[in-house]
């Protein structure tokens, strides 16, 4: 287990404060040493502790070279829209007059997956799935110049996660879950269409990696935690002042009204 030094713990508290107060600073202001991905993951958990919340879910991707793609999603920033008959108001942060969203699928296990002596097989992971949901990840930055932030600092900051919205179940498609989906975004009288494609072609692939990454490092994936594995259309900027309807081809729709505080 990684023990953080005083500067790294202070950095975690700084990230938590920036998130909770809708504030940003320049990347040059974050002059803390993060030597490796395990240290960045330890900072992620320290941020959750500073926010007085727990891990409500995970975002992940297949590692890109030496870059580990994993971040916990704060439990108090997971919004469940199931059984909501109409648009639900979601509180979040806007950046330069927009909200940034990423269309995703969320996998939810029906049982805990604890560490074990051997890796979990794809069949074991499939069998443990209790639900798959349409989802929207909300993207936000704690810095004004995110492209200048070193990767390990981005990792420590939760890979720009700002929240997760869970829509309707698509568990019926579990055995033939698509890697491509046409997305139609309606905002007021404006409509945009995206030819959505999962970055790994198969939405399951990052999930297999996440399960064995967490359990091989002594961590348990808890039942009920949603896990998102990559955006079908990158980050989309939406207008927070109008109703947002995101249609996932014939799979379903997520409808949201935004209530925003502008980032400082």
Protein backbone atom coordinates (compact mmCIF):
# COMPACT_ATOMS: atom_id res chain seq x y z
CA UNK A 1 0.00 0.00 0.00
CA UNK A 2 1.32 3.43 -0.94
CA UNK A 3 1.93 5.93 1.86
CA UNK A 4 1.58 9.48 0.61
CA UNK A 5 3.95 12.19 1.75
CA UNK A 6 2.84 15.52 3.16
CA UNK A 7 2.98 17.32 -0.20
CA UNK A 8 0.94 14.61 -1.94
CA UNK A 9 -1.72 14.67 0.78
CA UNK A 10 -1.89 18.46 0.50
CA UNK A 11 -2.32 18.06 -3.26
CA UNK A 12 -5.23 15.68 -2.70
CA UNK A 13 -6.93 18.18 -0.39
CA UNK A 14 -6.33 20.93 -2.94
CA UNK A 15 -8.01 18.87 -5.68
CA UNK A 16 -10.97 18.17 -3.41
CA UNK A 17 -11.35 21.86 -2.57
CA UNK A 18 -11.19 22.89 -6.22
CA UNK A 19 -13.85 20.31 -7.12
CA UNK A 20 -16.24 21.19 -4.33
CA UNK A 21 -15.88 24.96 -4.84
CA UNK A 22 -16.08 24.86 -8.67
CA UNK A 23 -12.68 26.47 -8.97
CA UNK A 24 -9.69 26.04 -11.26
CA UNK A 25 -6.01 26.95 -11.14
CA UNK A 26 -3.19 26.73 -13.66
CA UNK A 27 -1.44 23.39 -14.09
CA UNK A 28 1.86 25.09 -13.19
CA UNK A 29 0.43 25.65 -9.70
CA UNK A 30 0.26 21.90 -9.08
CA UNK A 31 3.96 21.42 -8.46
CA UNK A 32 3.86 18.10 -6.61
CA UNK A 33 5.89 15.03 -7.51
CA UNK A 34 3.89 11.96 -8.54
CA UNK A 35 6.42 9.26 -9.41
CA UNK A 36 4.12 6.52 -10.66
CA UNK A 37 0.56 5.32 -11.24
CA UNK A 38 0.17 3.59 -7.84
CA UNK A 39 0.94 6.91 -6.16
CA UNK A 40 -1.61 8.66 -8.39
CA UNK A 41 -4.22 6.04 -7.46
CA UNK A 42 -3.47 6.57 -3.77
CA UNK A 43 -4.02 10.31 -4.28
CA UNK A 44 -7.38 9.51 -5.91
CA UNK A 45 -8.48 7.78 -2.71
CA UNK A 46 -7.19 10.65 -0.58
CA UNK A 47 -9.31 13.04 -2.67
CA UNK A 48 -12.41 10.93 -1.93
CA UNK A 49 -11.59 11.02 1.78
CA UNK A 50 -11.19 14.81 1.64
CA UNK A 51 -14.57 15.05 -0.11
CA UNK A 52 -16.04 12.90 2.69
CA UNK A 53 -17.36 10.36 0.23
CA UNK A 54 -16.51 6.87 -1.01
CA UNK A 55 -16.03 5.09 -4.32
CA UNK A 56 -19.40 5.07 -6.04
CA UNK A 57 -18.16 3.57 -9.31
CA UNK A 58 -15.19 3.43 -11.66
CA UNK A 59 -14.08 4.75 -15.02
CA UNK A 60 -11.46 2.81 -16.94
CA UNK A 61 -9.88 2.09 -20.28
CA UNK A 62 -7.43 -0.39 -21.71
CA UNK A 63 -3.95 0.88 -20.69
CA UNK A 64 -2.29 2.98 -23.37
CA UNK A 65 1.37 2.03 -23.31
CA UNK A 66 2.55 2.77 -19.78
CA UNK A 67 -0.53 4.86 -18.99
CA UNK A 68 -2.97 3.33 -16.51
CA UNK A 69 -6.56 4.39 -17.27
CA UNK A 70 -8.54 4.10 -14.05
CA UNK A 71 -10.33 6.44 -11.66
CA UNK A 72 -12.91 6.13 -8.88
CA UNK A 73 -16.15 8.08 -9.27
CA UNK A 74 -17.31 9.79 -6.05
CA UNK A 75 -20.44 8.14 -4.67
CA UNK A 76 -22.11 11.51 -4.11
CA UNK A 77 -21.74 12.37 -7.80
CA UNK A 78 -23.52 9.32 -9.22
CA UNK A 79 -27.07 10.20 -10.34
CA UNK A 80 -29.47 7.32 -10.95
CA UNK A 81 -32.32 8.20 -13.33
CA UNK A 82 -34.02 4.78 -13.35
CA UNK A 83 -37.80 4.99 -12.87
CA UNK A 84 -37.74 8.72 -13.59
CA UNK A 85 -40.64 9.37 -15.99
CA UNK A 86 -39.29 12.67 -17.33
CA UNK A 87 -36.23 14.89 -17.35
CA UNK A 88 -34.38 14.97 -14.05
CA UNK A 89 -32.38 17.97 -12.91
CA UNK A 90 -28.67 17.25 -12.53
CA UNK A 91 -26.43 19.63 -10.59
CA UNK A 92 -22.97 20.12 -12.06
CA UNK A 93 -20.32 22.64 -13.15
CA UNK A 94 -20.28 24.47 -16.46
CA UNK A 95 -17.11 25.56 -18.22
CA UNK A 96 -17.17 28.61 -20.50
CA UNK A 97 -20.93 28.26 -20.80
CA UNK A 98 -21.05 24.54 -21.63
CA UNK A 99 -21.30 21.16 -19.93
CA UNK A 100 -19.01 18.43 -21.26
CA UNK A 101 -20.50 14.94 -21.47
CA UNK A 102 -19.37 11.53 -22.70
CA UNK A 103 -21.87 8.83 -23.82
CA UNK A 104 -21.06 5.51 -22.18
CA UNK A 105 -22.32 2.11 -21.09
CA UNK A 106 -22.11 1.31 -17.37
CA UNK A 107 -21.56 -2.25 -16.14
CA UNK A 108 -22.88 -3.14 -12.67
CA UNK A 109 -21.97 -6.33 -10.81
CA UNK A 110 -24.60 -8.22 -8.83
CA UNK A 111 -22.01 -9.59 -6.40
CA UNK A 112 -18.71 -8.47 -4.91
CA UNK A 113 -15.56 -9.48 -6.77
CA UNK A 114 -12.84 -9.93 -4.12
CA UNK A 115 -9.15 -10.65 -4.66
CA UNK A 116 -8.33 -14.29 -5.43
CA UNK A 117 -5.31 -16.40 -6.27
CA UNK A 118 -5.97 -16.52 -10.01
CA UNK A 119 -7.22 -13.93 -12.49
CA UNK A 120 -10.93 -13.61 -13.17
CA UNK A 121 -11.82 -15.13 -16.53
CA UNK A 122 -14.01 -13.33 -19.05
CA UNK A 123 -16.72 -15.93 -18.37
CA UNK A 124 -16.60 -15.24 -14.61
CA UNK A 125 -16.85 -11.51 -15.21
CA UNK A 126 -19.79 -11.94 -17.59
CA UNK A 127 -21.60 -14.20 -15.12
CA UNK A 128 -21.21 -11.66 -12.29
CA UNK A 129 -22.86 -8.80 -14.24
CA UNK A 130 -26.23 -7.84 -12.81
CA UNK A 131 -27.05 -4.89 -15.04
CA UNK A 132 -25.79 -2.74 -17.91
CA UNK A 133 -27.06 0.82 -18.15
CA UNK A 134 -26.94 3.69 -20.58
CA UNK A 135 -24.77 6.34 -18.98
CA UNK A 136 -23.40 9.85 -19.33
CA UNK A 137 -20.09 10.78 -17.77
CA UNK A 138 -19.76 14.47 -16.88
CA UNK A 139 -16.30 15.86 -17.58
CA UNK A 140 -14.69 18.67 -15.62
CA UNK A 141 -11.26 20.10 -15.00
CA UNK A 142 -9.59 21.45 -11.92
CA UNK A 143 -7.10 23.39 -14.06
CA UNK A 144 -7.53 26.11 -16.66
CA UNK A 145 -5.09 24.47 -19.06
CA UNK A 146 -5.73 20.69 -18.90
CA UNK A 147 -3.64 19.94 -21.99
CA UNK A 148 -0.56 21.12 -20.07
CA UNK A 149 -1.17 18.85 -17.08
CA UNK A 150 1.19 15.82 -16.88
CA UNK A 151 -0.60 12.49 -17.26
CA UNK A 152 0.06 11.26 -13.72
CA UNK A 153 -1.45 14.48 -12.36
CA UNK A 154 -4.50 13.91 -14.57
CA UNK A 155 -4.71 10.38 -13.22
CA UNK A 156 -4.49 11.62 -9.63
CA UNK A 157 -7.30 14.08 -10.44
CA UNK A 158 -9.63 11.27 -11.51
CA UNK A 159 -9.09 11.63 -15.27
CA UNK A 160 -11.34 14.71 -15.39
CA UNK A 161 -14.39 12.90 -14.03
CA UNK A 162 -17.02 15.23 -12.58
CA UNK A 163 -19.92 12.82 -12.18
CA UNK A 164 -21.95 10.01 -13.69
CA UNK A 165 -25.58 9.79 -14.81
CA UNK A 166 -27.16 6.35 -15.04
CA UNK A 167 -30.04 5.81 -17.46
CA UNK A 168 -32.16 2.81 -18.36
CA UNK A 169 -31.06 -0.80 -18.38
CA UNK A 170 -29.83 -2.44 -21.57
CA UNK A 171 -29.12 -5.79 -19.91
CA UNK A 172 -31.18 -7.50 -22.60
CA UNK A 173 -28.32 -6.69 -25.00
CA UNK A 174 -25.64 -8.25 -22.75
CA UNK A 175 -24.78 -11.07 -25.15
CA UNK A 176 -24.52 -8.82 -28.22
CA UNK A 177 -23.52 -5.47 -26.76
CA UNK A 178 -22.70 -3.15 -29.67
CA UNK A 179 -19.36 -1.44 -30.13
CA UNK A 180 -20.94 1.19 -32.37
CA UNK A 181 -24.12 3.18 -31.84
CA UNK A 182 -25.67 6.16 -33.61
CA UNK A 183 -26.14 8.96 -31.07
CA UNK A 184 -28.72 11.69 -31.54
CA UNK A 185 -28.46 14.72 -29.27
CA UNK A 186 -31.46 17.04 -29.03
CA UNK A 187 -31.11 20.37 -27.22
CA UNK A 188 -34.20 22.52 -27.54
CA UNK A 189 -34.76 22.85 -31.29
CA UNK A 190 -31.18 21.84 -32.16
CA UNK A 191 -30.25 18.28 -33.21
CA UNK A 192 -26.82 16.74 -33.70
CA UNK A 193 -25.92 13.21 -34.74
CA UNK A 194 -22.75 11.27 -33.95
CA UNK A 195 -21.53 7.96 -35.36
CA UNK A 196 -20.57 6.58 -31.98
CA UNK A 197 -17.77 4.05 -31.71
CA UNK A 198 -16.24 2.61 -28.57
CA UNK A 199 -12.49 3.39 -28.40
CA UNK A 200 -11.68 -0.30 -27.86
CA UNK A 201 -14.37 -1.51 -30.30
CA UNK A 202 -15.70 -3.85 -27.59
CA UNK A 203 -17.05 -2.12 -24.43
CA UNK A 204 -16.22 -5.23 -22.38
CA UNK A 205 -12.44 -5.10 -22.92
CA UNK A 206 -11.56 -2.39 -20.35
CA UNK A 207 -13.84 -4.11 -17.82
CA UNK A 208 -11.80 -7.32 -18.00
CA UNK A 209 -8.65 -5.31 -17.33
CA UNK A 210 -10.18 -3.29 -14.47
CA UNK A 211 -11.41 -6.33 -12.59
CA UNK A 212 -8.03 -8.00 -12.57
CA UNK A 213 -6.11 -4.77 -11.97
CA UNK A 214 -8.10 -3.99 -8.83
CA UNK A 215 -8.28 -7.52 -7.45
CA UNK A 216 -4.59 -8.22 -8.14
CA UNK A 217 -3.73 -5.21 -5.98
CA UNK A 218 -5.87 -6.40 -3.09
CA UNK A 219 -9.03 -4.42 -3.79
CA UNK A 220 -12.61 -5.66 -3.98
CA UNK A 221 -15.09 -4.43 -6.59
CA UNK A 222 -18.34 -3.94 -4.75
CA UNK A 223 -21.73 -5.04 -6.02
CA UNK A 224 -23.74 -2.11 -7.34
CA UNK A 225 -20.77 0.06 -8.36
CA UNK A 226 -21.22 1.22 -12.01
CA UNK A 227 -18.15 0.89 -14.20
CA UNK A 228 -17.78 2.89 -17.41
CA UNK A 229 -15.26 1.82 -20.03
CA UNK A 230 -14.95 4.58 -22.63
CA UNK A 231 -16.88 7.24 -24.50
CA UNK A 232 -18.61 6.48 -27.78
CA UNK A 233 -18.07 10.04 -29.01
CA UNK A 234 -15.30 11.67 -27.02
CA UNK A 235 -16.35 14.74 -25.03
CA UNK A 236 -19.42 16.58 -26.32
CA UNK A 237 -20.13 20.15 -25.28
CA UNK A 238 -23.82 20.76 -24.52
CA UNK A 239 -25.87 23.84 -23.72
CA UNK A 240 -26.80 23.79 -20.02
CA UNK A 241 -29.67 26.23 -20.46
CA UNK A 242 -31.92 23.84 -22.42
CA UNK A 243 -33.31 20.34 -22.01
CA UNK A 244 -30.84 17.64 -23.14
CA UNK A 245 -32.03 14.42 -24.77
CA UNK A 246 -29.39 11.87 -25.75
CA UNK A 247 -30.70 8.98 -27.86
CA UNK A 248 -28.60 5.81 -28.14
CA UNK A 249 -29.96 4.49 -31.44
CA UNK A 250 -32.62 1.89 -30.56
CA UNK A 251 -31.25 1.22 -27.06
CA UNK A 252 -32.93 4.09 -25.23
CA UNK A 253 -32.68 7.74 -24.22
CA UNK A 254 -31.33 9.79 -21.32
CA UNK A 255 -33.14 13.07 -20.65
CA UNK A 256 -31.58 15.71 -18.39
CA UNK A 257 -32.16 19.30 -17.29
CA UNK A 258 -28.97 20.95 -16.09
CA UNK A 259 -28.58 23.09 -12.96
CA UNK A 260 -25.10 24.58 -13.19
CA UNK A 261 -22.61 26.63 -11.27
CA UNK A 262 -20.05 28.26 -13.56
CA UNK A 263 -16.46 27.27 -12.94
CA UNK A 264 -14.32 30.10 -11.60
